[in-house]
N, C-alpha and C. Protein backbone atom coordinates (compact mmCIF):
# COMPACT_ATOMS: atom_id res chain seq x y z
N MET A 1 0.86 -1.25 -0.07
CA MET A 1 0.04 -0.02 0.03
C MET A 1 0.76 1.30 -0.01
N SER A 2 0.43 2.26 -0.82
CA SER A 2 1.26 3.48 -0.91
C SER A 2 0.90 4.45 0.27
N VAL A 3 2.03 5.19 0.56
CA VAL A 3 1.83 6.02 1.65
C VAL A 3 0.98 7.32 1.17
N LEU A 4 -0.11 7.86 1.97
CA LEU A 4 -1.01 8.73 1.44
C LEU A 4 -0.39 10.10 2.11
N VAL A 5 -0.55 11.17 1.20
CA VAL A 5 -0.32 12.60 1.62
C VAL A 5 -1.19 13.60 1.51
N THR A 6 -1.42 14.50 2.39
CA THR A 6 -2.51 15.49 2.37
C THR A 6 -2.05 16.58 1.28
N VAL A 7 -3.21 16.68 0.12
CA VAL A 7 -3.09 17.83 -0.84
C VAL A 7 -3.93 18.88 -0.45
N TYR A 8 -5.03 18.63 0.45
CA TYR A 8 -5.77 19.68 0.74
C TYR A 8 -6.47 19.61 2.16
N ARG A 9 -6.55 20.54 2.92
CA ARG A 9 -7.18 20.47 4.25
C ARG A 9 -8.01 21.79 4.44
N SER A 10 -9.12 21.56 5.04
CA SER A 10 -10.01 22.75 5.35
C SER A 10 -10.72 22.43 6.65
N MET A 11 -11.12 23.55 7.30
CA MET A 11 -12.09 23.53 8.40
C MET A 11 -13.19 24.64 8.31
N ASP A 12 -13.31 24.92 7.04
CA ASP A 12 -14.32 25.93 6.78
C ASP A 12 -15.80 25.38 6.87
N ALA A 13 -16.72 26.13 6.86
CA ALA A 13 -18.38 25.59 6.90
C ALA A 13 -18.41 24.60 5.76
N THR A 14 -17.68 25.05 4.53
CA THR A 14 -17.91 24.13 3.33
C THR A 14 -16.79 23.30 3.16
N ALA A 15 -16.18 22.77 4.01
CA ALA A 15 -14.87 21.99 3.98
C ALA A 15 -15.45 20.57 3.28
N LYS A 16 -16.46 19.88 3.77
CA LYS A 16 -16.69 18.63 3.26
C LYS A 16 -17.19 18.73 1.66
N ASP A 17 -17.98 19.83 1.32
CA ASP A 17 -18.37 20.07 -0.08
C ASP A 17 -17.01 20.34 -0.84
N ASP A 18 -16.12 21.02 -0.38
CA ASP A 18 -14.92 21.50 -0.84
C ASP A 18 -14.04 20.24 -1.44
N CYS A 19 -14.08 19.42 -0.24
CA CYS A 19 -13.11 18.04 -0.50
C CYS A 19 -13.85 17.31 -1.55
N ASP A 20 -15.30 17.23 -1.39
CA ASP A 20 -15.97 16.39 -2.64
C ASP A 20 -15.57 16.86 -3.91
N LEU A 21 -15.54 18.12 -4.19
CA LEU A 21 -15.33 18.75 -5.33
C LEU A 21 -13.90 18.49 -5.89
N ILE A 22 -12.99 18.72 -5.03
CA ILE A 22 -11.48 18.37 -5.26
C ILE A 22 -11.45 16.81 -5.67
N VAL A 23 -12.20 15.87 -4.86
CA VAL A 23 -11.91 14.55 -5.21
C VAL A 23 -12.59 14.16 -6.59
N ASP A 24 -13.74 14.90 -6.94
CA ASP A 24 -14.09 14.82 -8.28
C ASP A 24 -13.17 15.22 -9.42
N ILE A 25 -12.42 16.28 -9.11
CA ILE A 25 -11.53 16.82 -10.13
C ILE A 25 -10.24 15.88 -10.33
N LEU A 26 -9.76 15.39 -9.20
CA LEU A 26 -8.60 14.49 -9.07
C LEU A 26 -8.98 13.12 -9.71
N THR A 27 -10.25 12.69 -9.43
CA THR A 27 -10.73 11.33 -9.86
C THR A 27 -10.82 11.39 -11.42
N ALA A 28 -11.44 12.51 -11.96
CA ALA A 28 -11.66 12.63 -13.48
C ALA A 28 -10.13 12.59 -14.22
N GLU A 29 -9.16 12.92 -13.38
CA GLU A 29 -7.73 12.90 -14.20
C GLU A 29 -7.06 11.47 -13.76
N GLY A 30 -7.62 10.56 -13.26
CA GLY A 30 -7.18 9.29 -12.96
C GLY A 30 -6.46 9.11 -11.57
N LEU A 31 -6.48 10.04 -10.76
CA LEU A 31 -5.79 9.89 -9.41
C LEU A 31 -6.65 9.13 -8.52
N SER A 32 -6.12 8.78 -7.37
CA SER A 32 -6.94 7.91 -6.48
C SER A 32 -6.95 8.75 -5.21
N PRO A 33 -7.85 9.77 -4.97
CA PRO A 33 -7.73 10.49 -3.88
C PRO A 33 -8.81 9.86 -2.94
N VAL A 34 -8.62 10.30 -1.68
CA VAL A 34 -9.53 9.94 -0.47
C VAL A 34 -9.82 11.11 0.40
N ILE A 35 -11.03 11.08 0.97
CA ILE A 35 -11.41 12.22 1.96
C ILE A 35 -11.30 11.55 3.37
N LEU A 36 -10.82 12.29 4.19
CA LEU A 36 -10.66 11.94 5.56
C LEU A 36 -11.16 12.91 6.39
N ASP A 37 -11.84 12.58 7.50
CA ASP A 37 -12.43 13.53 8.59
C ASP A 37 -11.57 13.52 9.75
N ASP A 38 -11.98 14.33 10.75
CA ASP A 38 -11.24 14.19 12.08
C ASP A 38 -11.38 12.99 12.77
N SER A 39 -12.05 11.85 12.32
CA SER A 39 -12.19 10.65 12.96
C SER A 39 -10.93 9.76 12.55
N ALA A 40 -10.35 10.11 11.51
CA ALA A 40 -8.98 9.68 11.04
C ALA A 40 -7.91 9.86 11.88
N PRO A 41 -7.04 9.01 12.17
CA PRO A 41 -5.82 9.35 13.01
C PRO A 41 -4.84 10.38 12.13
N GLY A 42 -4.51 11.39 12.97
CA GLY A 42 -3.63 12.49 12.44
C GLY A 42 -4.39 13.64 11.94
N VAL A 43 -5.76 13.53 11.68
CA VAL A 43 -6.50 14.59 11.02
C VAL A 43 -7.03 15.60 12.21
N PRO A 44 -6.61 16.81 12.15
CA PRO A 44 -6.99 17.74 13.27
C PRO A 44 -8.45 17.73 13.44
N GLU A 45 -8.82 18.10 14.65
CA GLU A 45 -10.30 18.15 15.14
C GLU A 45 -10.93 19.20 14.21
N GLY A 46 -12.09 18.90 13.47
CA GLY A 46 -12.85 19.82 12.88
C GLY A 46 -12.46 20.05 11.48
N THR A 47 -11.63 19.23 10.94
CA THR A 47 -11.26 19.41 9.60
C THR A 47 -11.54 18.20 8.68
N PHE A 48 -11.53 18.48 7.41
CA PHE A 48 -11.57 17.39 6.38
C PHE A 48 -10.24 17.55 5.54
N GLU A 49 -9.78 16.56 4.99
CA GLU A 49 -8.72 16.32 4.08
C GLU A 49 -8.86 15.68 3.00
N VAL A 50 -8.15 15.89 2.00
CA VAL A 50 -8.09 15.11 0.69
C VAL A 50 -6.59 14.63 0.62
N GLN A 51 -6.49 13.35 0.59
CA GLN A 51 -5.14 12.62 0.52
C GLN A 51 -5.08 11.74 -0.79
N VAL A 52 -3.80 11.79 -1.30
CA VAL A 52 -3.43 10.87 -2.42
C VAL A 52 -2.28 10.11 -2.23
N PRO A 53 -1.94 9.12 -3.05
CA PRO A 53 -0.73 8.33 -2.78
C PRO A 53 0.34 9.35 -3.09
N ALA A 54 1.49 9.02 -2.44
CA ALA A 54 2.63 9.96 -2.46
C ALA A 54 3.11 10.34 -4.00
N ASP A 55 2.92 9.01 -4.79
CA ASP A 55 3.47 9.27 -6.23
C ASP A 55 2.53 10.17 -6.97
N GLN A 56 1.45 10.57 -6.49
CA GLN A 56 0.43 11.38 -7.28
C GLN A 56 0.47 12.80 -6.74
N LEU A 57 1.23 13.09 -5.63
CA LEU A 57 1.40 14.42 -5.16
C LEU A 57 1.30 15.55 -6.16
N GLN A 58 2.46 15.47 -6.98
CA GLN A 58 2.76 16.72 -7.83
C GLN A 58 1.62 16.91 -8.74
N LYS A 59 0.90 15.84 -9.38
CA LYS A 59 -0.18 16.00 -10.34
C LYS A 59 -1.37 16.57 -9.51
N ALA A 60 -1.68 16.01 -8.31
CA ALA A 60 -2.82 16.49 -7.60
C ALA A 60 -2.66 18.05 -7.11
N GLU A 61 -1.44 18.45 -6.80
CA GLU A 61 -1.34 19.84 -6.44
C GLU A 61 -1.48 20.71 -7.74
N GLN A 62 -0.94 20.29 -8.81
CA GLN A 62 -1.13 21.01 -10.02
C GLN A 62 -2.45 21.23 -10.45
N LEU A 63 -3.33 20.06 -10.40
CA LEU A 63 -4.67 20.18 -10.62
C LEU A 63 -5.55 21.04 -9.70
N ILE A 64 -5.06 21.00 -8.43
CA ILE A 64 -5.86 21.92 -7.54
C ILE A 64 -5.45 23.27 -7.79
N ALA A 65 -4.30 23.64 -8.05
CA ALA A 65 -3.97 25.05 -8.32
C ALA A 65 -4.71 25.41 -9.59
N GLU A 66 -4.84 24.64 -10.63
CA GLU A 66 -5.49 24.94 -11.96
C GLU A 66 -6.96 25.06 -11.79
N ASN A 67 -7.58 24.59 -10.76
CA ASN A 67 -8.99 24.55 -10.58
C ASN A 67 -9.34 25.04 -9.13
N PRO A 68 -9.30 26.42 -8.89
CA PRO A 68 -9.47 26.97 -7.63
C PRO A 68 -10.96 26.80 -7.27
N LEU A 69 -11.23 26.61 -6.02
CA LEU A 69 -12.62 26.34 -5.51
C LEU A 69 -13.40 27.76 -5.61
N PRO A 70 -14.78 27.74 -5.87
CA PRO A 70 -15.56 28.89 -6.04
C PRO A 70 -15.30 29.97 -5.11
N ASP A 71 -15.16 29.61 -3.69
CA ASP A 71 -15.04 30.71 -2.81
C ASP A 71 -13.64 31.23 -2.68
N GLU A 72 -12.60 30.53 -3.40
CA GLU A 72 -11.24 31.05 -3.59
C GLU A 72 -11.17 32.02 -4.71
N VAL A 73 -12.02 32.35 -5.41
CA VAL A 73 -11.97 33.08 -6.61
C VAL A 73 -12.80 34.25 -6.56
N GLU A 74 -13.26 34.58 -5.28
CA GLU A 74 -14.07 35.85 -5.10
C GLU A 74 -13.40 37.02 -5.42
N GLU A 75 -14.06 37.98 -6.10
CA GLU A 75 -13.41 39.14 -6.41
C GLU A 75 -13.31 40.07 -5.20
N VAL A 76 -12.17 40.54 -4.88
CA VAL A 76 -11.98 41.42 -3.72
C VAL A 76 -12.06 42.87 -4.23
N ASP A 77 -12.78 43.59 -3.51
CA ASP A 77 -12.96 45.12 -3.76
C ASP A 77 -11.66 45.82 -3.13
N ASP A 78 -10.79 46.19 -4.15
CA ASP A 78 -9.75 46.97 -3.61
C ASP A 78 -9.95 48.44 -3.73
N SER A 79 -11.11 48.89 -3.97
CA SER A 79 -11.45 50.17 -4.22
C SER A 79 -10.98 51.13 -2.93
N SER A 80 -10.55 52.24 -2.99
CA SER A 80 -10.35 53.24 -2.22
C SER A 80 -11.57 53.62 -1.27
N ASP A 81 -12.86 53.29 -1.85
CA ASP A 81 -13.99 53.59 -1.19
C ASP A 81 -14.05 52.91 0.05
N LEU A 82 -13.50 51.79 0.19
CA LEU A 82 -13.54 50.91 1.48
C LEU A 82 -12.53 51.19 2.46
N ASP A 83 -11.56 52.12 2.20
CA ASP A 83 -10.61 52.62 3.18
C ASP A 83 -11.47 53.46 4.34
N LEU A 84 -10.86 53.29 5.38
CA LEU A 84 -11.38 53.75 6.61
C LEU A 84 -10.93 55.30 6.77
N GLU A 85 -11.81 56.22 7.13
CA GLU A 85 -11.66 57.48 7.41
C GLU A 85 -12.14 57.82 8.93
N THR A 86 -11.34 58.72 9.50
CA THR A 86 -11.81 59.18 10.73
C THR A 86 -12.75 60.21 10.71
N ILE A 87 -13.94 60.02 11.38
CA ILE A 87 -14.98 60.95 11.41
C ILE A 87 -15.19 61.64 12.98
N PHE A 88 -14.57 60.91 13.86
CA PHE A 88 -14.59 61.49 15.22
C PHE A 88 -13.48 61.08 15.93
N HIS A 89 -12.84 62.31 16.80
CA HIS A 89 -11.67 62.00 17.42
C HIS A 89 -11.80 62.61 18.96
N ALA A 90 -11.32 61.93 19.80
CA ALA A 90 -11.58 62.40 21.33
C ALA A 90 -10.42 61.97 22.15
N ASP A 91 -10.04 62.98 23.01
CA ASP A 91 -8.99 62.78 23.90
C ASP A 91 -9.46 62.68 25.25
N GLY A 92 -8.74 62.05 26.33
CA GLY A 92 -9.14 62.21 27.80
C GLY A 92 -9.93 60.99 28.35
N THR A 93 -10.36 61.28 29.55
CA THR A 93 -10.97 59.97 30.19
C THR A 93 -12.22 59.49 29.67
N LEU A 94 -12.99 60.45 29.01
CA LEU A 94 -14.36 59.82 28.43
C LEU A 94 -14.23 59.78 27.01
N ALA A 95 -13.16 59.70 26.38
CA ALA A 95 -12.82 59.49 24.97
C ALA A 95 -13.42 58.18 24.53
N GLU A 96 -13.09 57.03 25.24
CA GLU A 96 -13.52 55.76 24.76
C GLU A 96 -15.13 55.71 24.86
N VAL A 97 -15.71 56.12 26.06
CA VAL A 97 -17.03 56.19 26.16
C VAL A 97 -17.91 57.01 24.93
N GLU A 98 -17.28 58.13 24.69
CA GLU A 98 -17.84 58.93 23.58
C GLU A 98 -17.73 58.43 22.32
N SER A 99 -16.64 57.70 22.10
CA SER A 99 -16.37 56.94 20.76
C SER A 99 -17.41 55.85 20.60
N MET A 100 -17.60 55.16 21.81
CA MET A 100 -18.50 53.98 21.61
C MET A 100 -19.91 54.48 21.30
N GLU A 101 -20.24 55.54 22.07
CA GLU A 101 -21.69 56.03 21.73
C GLU A 101 -21.76 56.58 20.32
N ILE A 102 -20.69 57.09 19.64
CA ILE A 102 -20.72 57.47 18.37
C ILE A 102 -20.86 56.27 17.47
N LYS A 103 -20.16 55.24 17.71
CA LYS A 103 -20.17 53.93 16.95
C LYS A 103 -21.45 53.36 16.98
N ASN A 104 -22.02 53.23 18.19
CA ASN A 104 -23.34 52.68 18.29
C ASN A 104 -24.43 53.26 17.66
N LEU A 105 -24.35 54.73 17.72
CA LEU A 105 -25.32 55.65 16.95
C LEU A 105 -25.11 55.28 15.41
N LEU A 106 -23.84 55.25 14.91
CA LEU A 106 -23.79 55.02 13.47
C LEU A 106 -24.27 53.72 13.05
N GLU A 107 -23.99 52.55 13.81
CA GLU A 107 -24.48 51.35 13.49
C GLU A 107 -26.08 51.07 13.64
N ALA A 108 -26.59 51.82 14.52
CA ALA A 108 -27.99 51.93 14.52
C ALA A 108 -28.59 52.42 13.31
N SER A 109 -27.83 53.22 12.66
CA SER A 109 -28.34 54.01 11.30
C SER A 109 -27.88 53.24 10.10
N GLY A 110 -27.34 51.92 10.42
CA GLY A 110 -26.90 51.06 9.27
C GLY A 110 -25.43 51.52 8.72
N ILE A 111 -24.64 52.07 9.52
CA ILE A 111 -23.16 52.41 8.95
C ILE A 111 -22.32 51.64 9.84
N ALA A 112 -21.57 50.82 9.30
CA ALA A 112 -20.55 50.08 9.97
C ALA A 112 -19.26 51.02 10.43
N ALA A 113 -18.93 50.81 11.60
CA ALA A 113 -18.10 51.79 12.29
C ALA A 113 -17.07 51.04 13.00
N VAL A 114 -15.83 51.43 13.22
CA VAL A 114 -14.72 50.86 13.92
C VAL A 114 -14.09 51.95 14.97
N VAL A 115 -14.14 51.58 16.22
CA VAL A 115 -13.37 52.31 17.20
C VAL A 115 -11.83 52.01 17.35
N VAL A 116 -10.95 53.04 17.20
CA VAL A 116 -9.61 52.76 17.22
C VAL A 116 -9.06 53.56 18.61
N GLY A 117 -8.47 52.66 19.34
CA GLY A 117 -7.99 53.30 20.56
C GLY A 117 -7.57 52.24 21.43
N ASN A 118 -6.87 52.43 22.67
CA ASN A 118 -6.48 51.47 23.56
C ASN A 118 -7.17 51.51 24.85
N SER A 119 -7.90 50.59 25.26
CA SER A 119 -8.73 50.64 26.50
C SER A 119 -7.70 50.34 27.68
N VAL A 120 -6.50 49.86 27.45
CA VAL A 120 -5.71 49.71 28.52
C VAL A 120 -5.06 50.99 29.07
N LEU A 121 -5.08 51.99 28.04
CA LEU A 121 -4.64 53.40 28.26
C LEU A 121 -5.85 54.20 27.98
N PRO A 122 -6.82 54.26 28.91
CA PRO A 122 -7.91 55.09 28.53
C PRO A 122 -7.89 56.59 28.39
N THR A 123 -6.70 57.08 28.78
CA THR A 123 -6.51 58.47 28.73
C THR A 123 -5.96 58.89 27.32
N MET A 124 -5.59 57.92 26.54
CA MET A 124 -5.19 58.19 25.14
C MET A 124 -6.29 58.41 24.38
N SER A 125 -5.94 58.85 23.06
CA SER A 125 -7.17 59.21 22.15
C SER A 125 -7.71 58.15 21.46
N PHE A 126 -8.96 58.39 21.17
CA PHE A 126 -9.86 57.30 20.62
C PHE A 126 -10.41 57.87 19.18
N GLU A 127 -10.69 57.13 18.24
CA GLU A 127 -11.29 57.62 16.93
C GLU A 127 -12.33 56.67 16.56
N VAL A 128 -13.28 57.20 15.81
CA VAL A 128 -14.20 56.26 15.08
C VAL A 128 -14.01 56.48 13.66
N ARG A 129 -14.05 55.38 13.08
CA ARG A 129 -13.70 55.44 11.59
C ARG A 129 -14.72 54.69 10.85
N VAL A 130 -15.14 55.09 9.53
CA VAL A 130 -16.06 54.55 8.70
C VAL A 130 -15.38 54.40 7.40
N ALA A 131 -16.03 53.47 6.58
CA ALA A 131 -15.60 53.53 5.13
C ALA A 131 -15.72 54.77 4.37
N ARG A 132 -14.79 55.10 3.56
CA ARG A 132 -14.69 56.41 2.92
C ARG A 132 -16.01 56.70 2.21
N ASP A 133 -16.71 55.58 1.66
CA ASP A 133 -17.83 55.73 0.85
C ASP A 133 -19.17 56.10 1.86
N GLN A 134 -18.89 55.94 3.06
CA GLN A 134 -19.97 56.22 4.09
C GLN A 134 -19.78 57.54 4.89
N VAL A 135 -18.70 58.11 4.71
CA VAL A 135 -18.41 59.40 5.50
C VAL A 135 -19.33 60.55 5.42
N GLU A 136 -19.91 60.84 4.26
CA GLU A 136 -20.95 61.87 4.21
C GLU A 136 -22.30 61.34 4.89
N ARG A 137 -22.56 60.36 4.80
CA ARG A 137 -23.92 59.87 5.52
C ARG A 137 -23.54 59.86 7.03
N ALA A 138 -22.46 59.35 7.46
CA ALA A 138 -22.05 59.32 8.85
C ALA A 138 -22.00 60.82 9.39
N ARG A 139 -21.53 61.57 8.81
CA ARG A 139 -21.50 63.03 9.35
C ARG A 139 -22.99 63.49 9.43
N GLU A 140 -23.90 63.14 8.32
CA GLU A 140 -25.36 63.74 8.59
C GLU A 140 -25.89 63.19 9.82
N VAL A 141 -25.53 61.73 10.06
CA VAL A 141 -26.13 61.14 11.05
C VAL A 141 -25.79 61.80 12.47
N LEU A 142 -24.45 62.10 12.44
CA LEU A 142 -23.82 62.83 13.77
C LEU A 142 -24.52 64.24 13.97
N ASN A 143 -24.54 64.92 12.81
CA ASN A 143 -24.96 66.29 12.92
C ASN A 143 -26.63 66.32 13.29
N GLU A 144 -27.36 65.28 12.77
CA GLU A 144 -28.80 65.11 13.20
C GLU A 144 -28.83 64.92 14.77
N ALA A 145 -28.10 63.89 15.08
CA ALA A 145 -28.05 63.73 16.58
C ALA A 145 -27.68 64.69 17.51
N GLN A 146 -26.62 65.58 17.06
CA GLN A 146 -26.16 66.70 17.83
C GLN A 146 -27.21 67.69 17.81
N ALA A 147 -27.83 68.07 16.70
CA ALA A 147 -28.93 68.97 16.63
C ALA A 147 -30.16 68.66 17.59
N ALA A 148 -30.47 67.38 17.58
CA ALA A 148 -31.57 66.92 18.42
C ALA A 148 -31.38 67.00 19.92
N GLY A 149 -30.15 66.96 20.18
CA GLY A 149 -29.75 67.01 21.58
C GLY A 149 -29.87 65.75 22.48
N PRO A 150 -29.31 65.81 23.65
CA PRO A 150 -29.52 64.65 24.54
C PRO A 150 -30.74 64.09 24.79
N ALA A 151 -31.74 65.20 24.87
CA ALA A 151 -33.20 64.80 25.15
C ALA A 151 -33.73 63.83 24.22
N ALA A 152 -33.33 64.01 22.94
CA ALA A 152 -33.69 63.06 21.91
C ALA A 152 -33.17 61.72 21.83
N ALA A 153 -31.91 61.69 22.42
CA ALA A 153 -31.24 60.42 22.54
C ALA A 153 -31.94 59.51 23.59
N GLU A 154 -32.29 60.34 24.85
CA GLU A 154 -32.79 59.64 25.92
C GLU A 154 -34.23 59.18 25.57
N GLU A 155 -35.00 60.01 24.77
CA GLU A 155 -36.28 59.65 24.28
C GLU A 155 -36.33 58.42 23.38
N ALA A 156 -35.33 58.46 22.38
CA ALA A 156 -35.05 57.31 21.68
C ALA A 156 -34.72 55.87 22.11
N GLU A 157 -33.99 56.16 23.16
CA GLU A 157 -33.51 55.06 24.09
C GLU A 157 -34.70 54.36 24.95
N ALA A 158 -35.59 55.23 25.47
CA ALA A 158 -36.75 54.92 26.12
C ALA A 158 -37.79 53.97 25.28
N LEU A 159 -37.82 54.68 23.98
CA LEU A 159 -38.79 54.14 23.10
C LEU A 159 -38.29 52.57 22.73
N PHE A 160 -36.91 52.56 22.50
CA PHE A 160 -36.40 51.29 22.15
C PHE A 160 -36.41 50.32 23.37
N GLU A 161 -36.40 50.61 24.53
CA GLU A 161 -36.48 49.88 25.67
C GLU A 161 -37.99 49.40 25.90
N SER A 162 -38.89 50.20 25.60
CA SER A 162 -40.36 49.84 25.84
C SER A 162 -40.67 48.83 24.63
N GLN A 163 -40.12 49.16 23.53
CA GLN A 163 -40.56 48.01 22.41
C GLN A 163 -39.75 46.85 22.76
N ALA A 164 -38.51 46.84 23.26
CA ALA A 164 -37.93 45.62 23.69
C ALA A 164 -38.84 44.93 24.79
N ALA A 165 -39.21 45.66 25.68
CA ALA A 165 -39.83 45.04 26.66
C ALA A 165 -41.28 44.42 26.32
N ASP A 166 -41.89 45.12 25.19
CA ASP A 166 -43.10 44.70 24.77
C ASP A 166 -43.06 43.42 23.79
N ALA A 167 -41.98 43.23 23.20
CA ALA A 167 -41.75 42.25 22.19
C ALA A 167 -42.27 40.85 22.61
N PRO A 168 -41.74 40.41 23.82
CA PRO A 168 -42.21 39.05 24.03
C PRO A 168 -43.73 38.95 24.16
N LYS A 169 -44.37 40.01 24.79
CA LYS A 169 -45.84 39.95 24.78
C LYS A 169 -46.52 39.83 23.41
N ARG A 170 -46.01 40.57 22.44
CA ARG A 170 -46.61 40.62 21.11
C ARG A 170 -46.40 39.21 20.48
N THR A 171 -45.28 38.68 20.79
CA THR A 171 -45.01 37.21 20.07
C THR A 171 -45.82 36.06 20.76
N ASN A 172 -46.30 36.17 21.99
CA ASN A 172 -46.98 35.27 22.70
C ASN A 172 -48.55 35.23 22.46
N ASN A 173 -49.05 36.44 21.90
CA ASN A 173 -50.53 36.52 21.75
C ASN A 173 -50.80 35.80 20.56
């Protein structure tokens, strides 16, 4: 019996399907692949592997390289529109709290935001950043919230909390 060598290993959610696809490709070219899961000796927990006899290794690796899996050929958007731009900066002891409030406000408005700062050193500066293509909308949301003032924020929070408290009652009726 020939020694088997691993030519593909994955623990993605689609690992089993990906291995099935690779086995089909290799088998169609006359190779003898096998799929192993983590119940096989030496296969790490949660993974699937495709192995071939050692003398088929080079051909198998070539075929796998020539036939990338669908999720490996996804187009990556390298547009500068996705670069992060700072829309809020704060220093001092409340900088982290203020930044988190801004981030939560933006995310509640459907804008993904990232807080940049070091919680270990809370007196250092913090920033909130959003994708460049979201900067204008993020600034609008911040300006609207600032114009409405703290009373509007408290009112919105109270409304949200009352809706959350009523939610179980509505689903049980």
